[in-house]
PDB file of N, CA and C in Angstrom:
ATOM      1  N   MET A   1      55.825  46.696 191.566  1.00  0.00           N
ATOM      2  CA  MET A   1      56.560  47.699 190.469  1.00  0.00           C
ATOM      3  C   MET A   1      55.741  48.941 191.560  1.00  0.00           C
ATOM      4  N   THR A   2      57.280  49.917 192.422  1.00  0.00           N
ATOM      5  CA  THR A   2      57.431  51.317 192.977  1.00  0.00           C
ATOM      6  C   THR A   2      56.675  51.876 192.181  1.00  0.00           C
ATOM      7  N   LEU A   3      55.250  52.802 192.771  1.00  0.00           N
ATOM      8  CA  LEU A   3      55.087  53.527 192.254  1.00  0.00           C
ATOM      9  C   LEU A   3      55.276  55.252 193.007  1.00  0.00           C
ATOM     10  N   SER A   4      55.404  56.045 192.054  1.00  0.00           N
ATOM     11  CA  SER A   4      55.582  57.489 192.816  1.00  0.00           C
ATOM     12  C   SER A   4      54.887  58.150 193.214  1.00  0.00           C
ATOM     13  N   ASP A   5      55.371  58.555 195.013  1.00  0.00           N
ATOM     14  CA  ASP A   5      53.977  59.662 195.668  1.00  0.00           C
ATOM     15  C   ASP A   5      53.951  61.353 194.373  1.00  0.00           C
ATOM     16  N   ASP A   6      54.235  61.217 192.656  1.00  0.00           N
ATOM     17  CA  ASP A   6      54.217  61.877 192.267  1.00  0.00           C
ATOM     18  C   ASP A   6      52.441  61.701 192.160  1.00  0.00           C
ATOM     19  N   LEU A   7      52.306  63.579 190.895  1.00  0.00           N
ATOM     20  CA  LEU A   7      50.071  63.128 190.433  1.00  0.00           C
ATOM     21  C   LEU A   7      49.295  61.622 190.030  1.00  0.00           C
ATOM     22  N   ILE A   8      50.544  61.395 189.091  1.00  0.00           N
ATOM     23  CA  ILE A   8      50.327  59.906 188.273  1.00  0.00           C
ATOM     24  C   ILE A   8      50.556  59.150 189.120  1.00  0.00           C
ATOM     25  N   GLY A   9      51.050  58.556 189.840  1.00  0.00           N
ATOM     26  CA  GLY A   9      51.332  57.320 190.606  1.00  0.00           C
ATOM     27  C   GLY A   9      50.504  58.271 191.759  1.00  0.00           C
ATOM     28  N   GLN A  10      49.642  58.734 191.908  1.00  0.00           N
ATOM     29  CA  GLN A  10      49.045  58.260 193.021  1.00  0.00           C
ATOM     30  C   GLN A  10      47.609  58.037 192.081  1.00  0.00           C
ATOM     31  N   ARG A  11      47.064  58.874 191.201  1.00  0.00           N
ATOM     32  CA  ARG A  11      46.086  58.986 190.291  1.00  0.00           C
ATOM     33  C   ARG A  11      46.393  56.668 189.915  1.00  0.00           C
ATOM     34  N   THR A  12      47.277  56.562 189.463  1.00  0.00           N
ATOM     35  CA  THR A  12      47.045  55.102 189.071  1.00  0.00           C
ATOM     36  C   THR A  12      47.001  54.316 190.637  1.00  0.00           C
ATOM     37  N   ARG A  13      48.114  54.751 191.501  1.00  0.00           N
ATOM     38  CA  ARG A  13      46.772  53.994 192.739  1.00  0.00           C
ATOM     39  C   ARG A  13      45.807  54.176 192.892  1.00  0.00           C
ATOM     40  N   ARG A  14      44.915  55.132 192.540  1.00  0.00           N
ATOM     41  CA  ARG A  14      43.497  55.175 193.260  1.00  0.00           C
ATOM     42  C   ARG A  14      43.013  54.893 191.983  1.00  0.00           C
ATOM     43  N   ILE A  15      43.581  54.299 190.931  1.00  0.00           N
ATOM     44  CA  ILE A  15      42.245  53.486 189.521  1.00  0.00           C
ATOM     45  C   ILE A  15      42.838  52.093 189.518  1.00  0.00           C
ATOM     46  N   GLU A  16      43.639  51.428 190.550  1.00  0.00           N
ATOM     47  CA  GLU A  16      44.110  50.437 190.536  1.00  0.00           C
ATOM     48  C   GLU A  16      43.036  49.891 192.180  1.00  0.00           C
ATOM     49  N   ALA A  17      42.849  50.393 193.037  1.00  0.00           N
ATOM     50  CA  ALA A  17      41.612  50.207 194.176  1.00  0.00           C
ATOM     51  C   ALA A  17      40.891  50.198 193.903  1.00  0.00           C
ATOM     52  N   THR A  18      40.138  51.157 192.731  1.00  0.00           N
ATOM     53  CA  THR A  18      39.012  51.255 192.692  1.00  0.00           C
ATOM     54  C   THR A  18      38.571  49.325 191.106  1.00  0.00           C
ATOM     55  N   GLN A  19      39.450  49.568 190.877  1.00  0.00           N
ATOM     56  CA  GLN A  19      39.088  48.178 190.273  1.00  0.00           C
ATOM     57  C   GLN A  19      38.873  47.377 191.058  1.00  0.00           C
ATOM     58  N   ASN A  20      40.428  46.942 192.329  1.00  0.00           N
ATOM     59  CA  ASN A  20      40.143  46.267 192.518  1.00  0.00           C
ATOM     60  C   ASN A  20      38.960  46.030 193.765  1.00  0.00           C
ATOM     61  N   LEU A  21      38.309  47.197 193.994  1.00  0.00           N
ATOM     62  CA  LEU A  21      37.071  47.041 195.129  1.00  0.00           C
ATOM     63  C   LEU A  21      35.877  47.046 194.105  1.00  0.00           C
ATOM     64  N   ARG A  22      35.843  46.703 192.673  1.00  0.00           N
ATOM     65  CA  ARG A  22      34.904  46.426 191.729  1.00  0.00           C
ATOM     66  C   ARG A  22      34.968  44.783 191.224  1.00  0.00           C
ATOM     67  N   GLN A  23      35.870  43.994 191.274  1.00  0.00           N
ATOM     68  CA  GLN A  23      36.062  42.695 190.560  1.00  0.00           C
ATOM     69  C   GLN A  23      35.779  42.383 192.676  1.00  0.00           C
ATOM     70  N   LEU A  24      35.943  43.125 193.741  1.00  0.00           N
ATOM     71  CA  LEU A  24      35.140  41.770 195.224  1.00  0.00           C
ATOM     72  C   LEU A  24      34.058  42.562 194.881  1.00  0.00           C
ATOM     73  N   GLY A  25      32.985  42.784 193.625  1.00  0.00           N
ATOM     74  CA  GLY A  25      32.379  43.224 193.897  1.00  0.00           C
ATOM     75  C   GLY A  25      31.586  44.500 194.128  1.00  0.00           C
ATOM     76  N   ILE A  26      32.017  45.466 194.740  1.00  0.00           N
ATOM     77  CA  ILE A  26      31.797  46.662 195.217  1.00  0.00           C
ATOM     78  C   ILE A  26      31.950  47.627 194.907  1.00  0.00           C
ATOM     79  N   ASP A  27      30.768  48.760 194.757  1.00  0.00           N
ATOM     80  CA  ASP A  27      30.213  49.803 193.796  1.00  0.00           C
ATOM     81  C   ASP A  27      31.011  50.561 194.508  1.00  0.00           C
ATOM     82  N   PRO A  28      32.915  51.347 194.452  1.00  0.00           N
ATOM     83  CA  PRO A  28      33.343  52.309 195.357  1.00  0.00           C
ATOM     84  C   PRO A  28      32.187  53.587 194.527  1.00  0.00           C
ATOM     85  N   TYR A  29      31.315  53.814 194.048  1.00  0.00           N
ATOM     86  CA  TYR A  29      31.456  55.478 193.872  1.00  0.00           C
ATOM     87  C   TYR A  29      29.539  54.473 193.947  1.00  0.00           C
ATOM     88  N   THR A  30      29.086  54.494 194.464  1.00  0.00           N
ATOM     89  CA  THR A  30      27.862  53.625 194.773  1.00  0.00           C
ATOM     90  C   THR A  30      26.667  55.234 194.389  1.00  0.00           C
ATOM     91  N   PRO A  31      25.322  55.228 193.740  1.00  0.00           N
ATOM     92  CA  PRO A  31      25.122  56.544 194.329  1.00  0.00           C
ATOM     93  C   PRO A  31      24.315  56.560 194.975  1.00  0.00           C
ATOM     94  N   TYR A  32      23.537  55.581 196.051  1.00  0.00           N
ATOM     95  CA  TYR A  32      22.503  55.321 197.695  1.00  0.00           C
ATOM     96  C   TYR A  32      23.697  55.241 198.483  1.00  0.00           C
ATOM     97  N   ALA A  33      22.952  55.116 199.530  1.00  0.00           N
ATOM     98  CA  ALA A  33      23.584  54.815 200.871  1.00  0.00           C
ATOM     99  C   ALA A  33      22.569  54.678 201.766  1.00  0.00           C
ATOM    100  N   LYS A  34      22.116  53.506 202.500  1.00  0.00           N
ATOM    101  CA  LYS A  34      21.913  52.790 203.993  1.00  0.00           C
ATOM    102  C   LYS A  34      21.913  53.810 205.141  1.00  0.00           C
ATOM    103  N   LYS A  35      21.753  54.682 205.851  1.00  0.00           N
ATOM    104  CA  LYS A  35      21.815  55.459 206.989  1.00  0.00           C
ATOM    105  C   LYS A  35      21.341  54.921 207.844  1.00  0.00           C
ATOM    106  N   ASP A  36      21.818  54.271 209.269  1.00  0.00           N
ATOM    107  CA  ASP A  36      20.850  54.692 209.971  1.00  0.00           C
ATOM    108  C   ASP A  36      20.364  55.558 211.210  1.00  0.00           C
ATOM    109  N   HIS A  37      21.561  56.284 211.276  1.00  0.00           N
ATOM    110  CA  HIS A  37      21.493  57.977 211.807  1.00  0.00           C
ATOM    111  C   HIS A  37      22.408  58.856 211.463  1.00  0.00           C
ATOM    112  N   SER A  38      22.610  60.092 211.849  1.00  0.00           N
ATOM    113  CA  SER A  38      23.589  60.936 211.249  1.00  0.00           C
ATOM    114  C   SER A  38      24.787  60.501 212.923  1.00  0.00           C
ATOM    115  N   ASN A  39      25.708  61.433 212.280  1.00  0.00           N
ATOM    116  CA  ASN A  39      27.114  60.994 213.365  1.00  0.00           C
ATOM    117  C   ASN A  39      26.471  61.716 214.415  1.00  0.00           C
ATOM    118  N   LEU A  40      26.651  62.850 214.506  1.00  0.00           N
ATOM    119  CA  LEU A  40      26.143  64.079 215.644  1.00  0.00           C
ATOM    120  C   LEU A  40      25.249  62.782 216.277  1.00  0.00           C
ATOM    121  N   GLU A  41      24.451  62.131 215.771  1.00  0.00           N
ATOM    122  CA  GLU A  41      23.374  61.532 216.415  1.00  0.00           C
ATOM    123  C   GLU A  41      23.884  60.683 217.315  1.00  0.00           C
ATOM    124  N   VAL A  42      24.184  60.219 216.429  1.00  0.00           N
ATOM    125  CA  VAL A  42      25.321  58.289 217.545  1.00  0.00           C
ATOM    126  C   VAL A  42      26.086  59.036 218.397  1.00  0.00           C
ATOM    127  N   LYS A  43      27.089  60.182 218.043  1.00  0.00           N
ATOM    128  CA  LYS A  43      27.266  61.234 219.127  1.00  0.00           C
ATOM    129  C   LYS A  43      27.395  61.636 220.288  1.00  0.00           C
ATOM    130  N   ASN A  44      26.240  62.515 220.038  1.00  0.00           N
ATOM    131  CA  ASN A  44      25.289  63.100 221.091  1.00  0.00           C
ATOM    132  C   ASN A  44      24.706  61.860 222.120  1.00  0.00           C
ATOM    133  N   ASN A  45      24.332  60.734 221.589  1.00  0.00           N
ATOM    134  CA  ASN A  45      24.019  59.762 222.683  1.00  0.00           C
ATOM    135  C   ASN A  45      23.942  58.763 222.719  1.00  0.00           C
ATOM    136  N   PHE A  46      25.198  58.506 222.715  1.00  0.00           N
ATOM    137  CA  PHE A  46      26.494  57.672 222.460  1.00  0.00           C
ATOM    138  C   PHE A  46      25.417  56.522 223.214  1.00  0.00           C
ATOM    139  N   GLU A  47      25.416  56.777 224.419  1.00  0.00           N
ATOM    140  CA  GLU A  47      24.914  54.998 225.403  1.00  0.00           C
ATOM    141  C   GLU A  47      23.473  54.543 225.344  1.00  0.00           C
ATOM    142  N   LYS A  48      23.144  55.427 224.143  1.00  0.00           N
ATOM    143  CA  LYS A  48      21.998  54.663 223.991  1.00  0.00           C
ATOM    144  C   LYS A  48      21.914  53.783 222.014  1.00  0.00           C
ATOM    145  N   TYR A  49      22.799  54.362 222.106  1.00  0.00           N
ATOM    146  CA  TYR A  49      23.509  53.323 220.825  1.00  0.00           C
ATOM    147  C   TYR A  49      24.693  52.245 220.974  1.00  0.00           C
ATOM    148  N   ASN A  50      25.587  52.158 222.246  1.00  0.00           N
ATOM    149  CA  ASN A  50      26.611  51.770 222.506  1.00  0.00           C
ATOM    150  C   ASN A  50      26.252  50.358 222.675  1.00  0.00           C
ATOM    151  N   GLY A  51      27.336  49.117 221.939  1.00  0.00           N
ATOM    152  CA  GLY A  51      26.872  48.131 221.833  1.00  0.00           C
ATOM    153  C   GLY A  51      26.018  47.469 220.817  1.00  0.00           C
ATOM    154  N   LYS A  52      25.257  48.729 219.628  1.00  0.00           N
ATOM    155  CA  LYS A  52      24.414  48.415 218.837  1.00  0.00           C
ATOM    156  C   LYS A  52      25.307  47.889 217.855  1.00  0.00           C
ATOM    157  N   GLU A  53      24.256  47.364 216.653  1.00  0.00           N
ATOM    158  CA  GLU A  53      25.550  47.742 214.853  1.00  0.00           C
ATOM    159  C   GLU A  53      24.372  48.262 214.509  1.00  0.00           C
ATOM    160  N   LEU A  54      24.980  48.734 214.372  1.00  0.00           N
ATOM    161  CA  LEU A  54      24.157  50.529 213.231  1.00  0.00           C
ATOM    162  C   LEU A  54      24.439  50.985 211.939  1.00  0.00           C
ATOM    163  N   THR A  55      24.684  51.437 210.921  1.00  0.00           N
ATOM    164  CA  THR A  55      24.949  51.932 209.344  1.00  0.00           C
ATOM    165  C   THR A  55      25.265  53.397 210.162  1.00  0.00           C
ATOM    166  N   LEU A  56      26.225  53.926 209.404  1.00  0.00           N
ATOM    167  CA  LEU A  56      26.130  55.217 208.767  1.00  0.00           C
ATOM    168  C   LEU A  56      27.179  55.684 207.683  1.00  0.00           C
ATOM    169  N   THR A  57      27.146  56.599 207.386  1.00  0.00           N
ATOM    170  CA  THR A  57      27.686  56.615 206.286  1.00  0.00           C
ATOM    171  C   THR A  57      28.675  57.752 206.851  1.00  0.00           C
ATOM    172  N   GLY A  58      29.382  58.407 205.061  1.00  0.00           N
ATOM    173  CA  GLY A  58      30.716  59.362 205.097  1.00  0.00           C
ATOM    174  C   GLY A  58      31.349  59.419 204.335  1.00  0.00           C
ATOM    175  N   ARG A  59      32.938  60.396 204.354  1.00  0.00           N
ATOM    176  CA  ARG A  59      33.985  60.445 203.889  1.00  0.00           C
ATOM    177  C   ARG A  59      34.949  59.898 205.411  1.00  0.00           C
ATOM    178  N   LEU A  60      35.904  58.674 204.548  1.00  0.00           N
ATOM    179  CA  LEU A  60      36.346  58.273 205.916  1.00  0.00           C
ATOM    180  C   LEU A  60      38.056  59.752 205.566  1.00  0.00           C
ATOM    181  N   MET A  61      37.874  60.102 206.429  1.00  0.00           N
ATOM    182  CA  MET A  61      38.990  61.372 206.351  1.00  0.00           C
ATOM    183  C   MET A  61      40.605  60.649 207.027  1.00  0.00           C
ATOM    184  N   ALA A  62      40.216  59.262 207.856  1.00  0.00           N
ATOM    185  CA  ALA A  62      41.856  59.416 208.286  1.00  0.00           C
ATOM    186  C   ALA A  62      41.822  58.110 208.517  1.00  0.00           C
ATOM    187  N   LYS A  63      43.082  57.152 208.579  1.00  0.00           N
ATOM    188  CA  LYS A  63      43.039  55.965 209.013  1.00  0.00           C
ATOM    189  C   LYS A  63      43.911  55.754 209.765  1.00  0.00           C
ATOM    190  N   ARG A  64      44.513  55.225 211.116  1.00  0.00           N
ATOM    191  CA  ARG A  64      45.345  54.624 211.478  1.00  0.00           C
ATOM    192  C   ARG A  64      44.656  53.163 212.032  1.00  0.00           C
ATOM    193  N   GLU A  65      46.382  53.063 212.105  1.00  0.00           N
ATOM    194  CA  GLU A  65      46.642  50.718 212.204  1.00  0.00           C
ATOM    195  C   GLU A  65      47.306  50.724 213.319  1.00  0.00           C
ATOM    196  N   HIS A  66      46.856  49.919 215.048  1.00  0.00           N
ATOM    197  CA  HIS A  66      47.469  50.152 215.900  1.00  0.00           C
ATOM    198  C   HIS A  66      47.448  48.683 216.578  1.00  0.00           C
ATOM    199  N   GLY A  67      48.679  47.854 216.184  1.00  0.00           N
ATOM    200  CA  GLY A  67      48.497  46.632 216.525  1.00  0.00           C
ATOM    201  C   GLY A  67      47.086  46.098 216.050  1.00  0.00           C
ATOM    202  N   LYS A  68      46.338  45.370 216.382  1.00  0.00           N
ATOM    203  CA  LYS A  68      45.220  44.632 216.193  1.00  0.00           C
ATOM    204  C   LYS A  68      44.095  44.927 215.597  1.00  0.00           C
ATOM    205  N   LEU A  69      44.589  47.003 215.662  1.00  0.00           N
ATOM    206  CA  LEU A  69      43.109  47.042 216.038  1.00  0.00           C
ATOM    207  C   LEU A  69      43.538  48.842 214.641  1.00  0.00           C
ATOM    208  N   ILE A  70      42.343  48.892 214.351  1.00  0.00           N
ATOM    209  CA  ILE A  70      42.049  49.800 212.841  1.00  0.00           C
ATOM    210  C   ILE A  70      41.385  51.256 213.470  1.00  0.00           C
ATOM    211  N   PHE A  71      41.610  52.537 212.832  1.00  0.00           N
ATOM    212  CA  PHE A  71      40.505  53.486 213.578  1.00  0.00           C
ATOM    213  C   PHE A  71      40.337  54.221 212.507  1.00  0.00           C
ATOM    214  N   GLY A  72      39.475  54.522 212.530  1.00  0.00           N
ATOM    215  CA  GLY A  72      38.992  55.784 211.340  1.00  0.00           C
ATOM    216  C   GLY A  72      38.274  56.783 211.416  1.00  0.00           C
ATOM    217  N   ASP A  73      38.037  57.430 210.557  1.00  0.00           N
ATOM    218  CA  ASP A  73      37.364  59.039 210.735  1.00  0.00           C
ATOM    219  C   ASP A  73      36.113  59.763 210.112  1.00  0.00           C
ATOM    220  N   ILE A  74      35.392  59.144 209.819  1.00  0.00           N
ATOM    221  CA  ILE A  74      33.936  58.978 209.632  1.00  0.00           C
ATOM    222  C   ILE A  74      33.551  60.309 208.985  1.00  0.00           C
ATOM    223  N   GLN A  75      33.361  61.319 208.261  1.00  0.00           N
ATOM    224  CA  GLN A  75      32.775  62.189 208.604  1.00  0.00           C
ATOM    225  C   GLN A  75      31.489  62.486 207.485  1.00  0.00           C
ATOM    226  N   ASP A  76      30.275  62.561 208.214  1.00  0.00           N
ATOM    227  CA  ASP A  76      29.390  63.152 207.472  1.00  0.00           C
ATOM    228  C   ASP A  76      28.832  64.857 206.953  1.00  0.00           C
ATOM    229  N   GLN A  77      27.565  65.150 207.182  1.00  0.00           N
ATOM    230  CA  GLN A  77      27.281  66.968 206.556  1.00  0.00           C
ATOM    231  C   GLN A  77      27.086  67.008 208.423  1.00  0.00           C
ATOM    232  N   THR A  78      27.368  65.896 209.258  1.00  0.00           N
ATOM    233  CA  THR A  78      27.258  66.474 211.088  1.00  0.00           C
ATOM    234  C   THR A  78      28.264  66.752 211.403  1.00  0.00           C
ATOM    235  N   GLY A  79      28.993  65.809 210.994  1.00  0.00           N
ATOM    236  CA  GLY A  79      30.496  65.587 212.302  1.00  0.00           C
ATOM    237  C   GLY A  79      31.124  64.857 211.642  1.00  0.00           C
ATOM    238  N   THR A  80      31.998  64.714 212.522  1.00  0.00           N
ATOM    239  CA  THR A  80      32.825  63.239 212.148  1.00  0.00           C
ATOM    240  C   THR A  80      32.586  62.318 213.451  1.00  0.00           C
ATOM    241  N   ILE A  81      32.662  61.577 213.182  1.00  0.00           N
ATOM    242  CA  ILE A  81      32.835  60.442 214.792  1.00  0.00           C
ATOM    243  C   ILE A  81      34.121  59.310 213.904  1.00  0.00           C
ATOM    244  N   GLN A  82      35.220  58.649 214.912  1.00  0.00           N
ATOM    245  CA  GLN A  82      35.707  57.564 215.089  1.00  0.00           C
ATOM    246  C   GLN A  82      34.934  56.315 215.522  1.00  0.00           C
ATOM    247  N   ILE A  83      35.743  55.143 214.572  1.00  0.00           N
ATOM    248  CA  ILE A  83      35.069  54.558 214.697  1.00  0.00           C
ATOM    249  C   ILE A  83      35.993  53.080 215.034  1.00  0.00           C
ATOM    250  N   GLY A  84      36.314  52.204 215.454  1.00  0.00           N
ATOM    251  CA  GLY A  84      36.967  51.300 215.652  1.00  0.00           C
ATOM    252  C   GLY A  84      36.648  50.236 214.975  1.00  0.00           C
ATOM    253  N   ILE A  85      38.301  49.344 214.696  1.00  0.00           N
ATOM    254  CA  ILE A  85      38.110  47.555 214.046  1.00  0.00           C
ATOM    255  C   ILE A  85      38.363  46.679 214.121  1.00  0.00           C
ATOM    256  N   LYS A  86      38.534  45.194 214.650  1.00  0.00           N
ATOM    257  CA  LYS A  86      39.693  44.516 214.920  1.00  0.00           C
ATOM    258  C   LYS A  86      39.493  44.285 213.781  1.00  0.00           C
ATOM    259  N   LYS A  87      41.561  43.982 213.055  1.00  0.00           N
ATOM    260  CA  LYS A  87      41.811  43.101 212.025  1.00  0.00           C
ATOM    261  C   LYS A  87      41.025  42.528 212.580  1.00  0.00           C
ATOM    262  N   ASP A  88      40.925  41.553 212.503  1.00  0.00           N
ATOM    263  CA  ASP A  88      40.906  39.684 213.151  1.00  0.00           C
ATOM    264  C   ASP A  88      38.899  39.069 211.900  1.00  0.00           C
ATOM    265  N   GLU A  89      38.614  40.843 212.394  1.00  0.00           N
ATOM    266  CA  GLU A  89      36.760  40.063 211.958  1.00  0.00           C
ATOM    267  C   GLU A  89      36.745  41.622 210.433  1.00  0.00           C
ATOM    268  N   ILE A  90      38.389  41.258 209.300  1.00  0.00           N
ATOM    269  CA  ILE A  90      37.957  42.024 208.430  1.00  0.00           C
ATOM    270  C   ILE A  90      37.796  40.925 207.093  1.00  0.00           C
ATOM    271  N   GLN A  91      37.128  41.128 206.505  1.00  0.00           N
ATOM    272  CA  GLN A  91      37.478  39.337 205.100  1.00  0.00           C
ATOM    273  C   GLN A  91      39.069  40.354 205.295  1.00  0.00           C
ATOM    274  N   GLU A  92      40.040  38.825 204.357  1.00  0.00           N
ATOM    275  CA  GLU A  92      41.422  38.921 203.909  1.00  0.00           C
ATOM    276  C   GLU A  92      41.352  40.054 202.747  1.00  0.00           C
ATOM    277  N   ASP A  93      40.034  39.489 202.085  1.00  0.00           N
ATOM    278  CA  ASP A  93      40.781  40.337 200.412  1.00  0.00           C
ATOM    279  C   ASP A  93      40.130  41.680 200.531  1.00  0.00           C
ATOM    280  N   LEU A  94      39.683  42.718 201.994  1.00  0.00           N
ATOM    281  CA  LEU A  94      39.328  43.924 202.494  1.00  0.00           C
ATOM    282  C   LEU A  94      40.517  44.424 202.602  1.00  0.00           C
ATOM    283  N   LYS A  95      41.293  43.586 203.483  1.00  0.00           N
ATOM    284  CA  LYS A  95      42.766  44.593 204.264  1.00  0.00           C
ATOM    285  C   LYS A  95      43.190  45.665 204.001  1.00  0.00           C
ATOM    286  N   ASN A  96      43.717  44.902 202.889  1.00  0.00           N
ATOM    287  CA  ASN A  96      44.807  46.066 201.757  1.00  0.00           C
ATOM    288  C   ASN A  96      43.781  46.839 201.470  1.00  0.00           C
TER     289      ASN A  96
END
């Protein structure tokens, strides 16, 4: 089924995406989030955090795919930070 780009089609796609997340056991509207540092802190001190695993929070404002990589912009109250993900490191159920 092809959905249109009108408001009804957009709403339908968003509802389906929310249902898919819930089926995977992910709450798309969680009232809490674990956060290690703000985006601004990581950007201003990148050398300190480079190569370390961090948990950042915010809204995904943009997503771009380039071959086997996915880039995104996450915005929190302090600013925007770019993330990069290797497609082969994503769980199959989360790729779409």
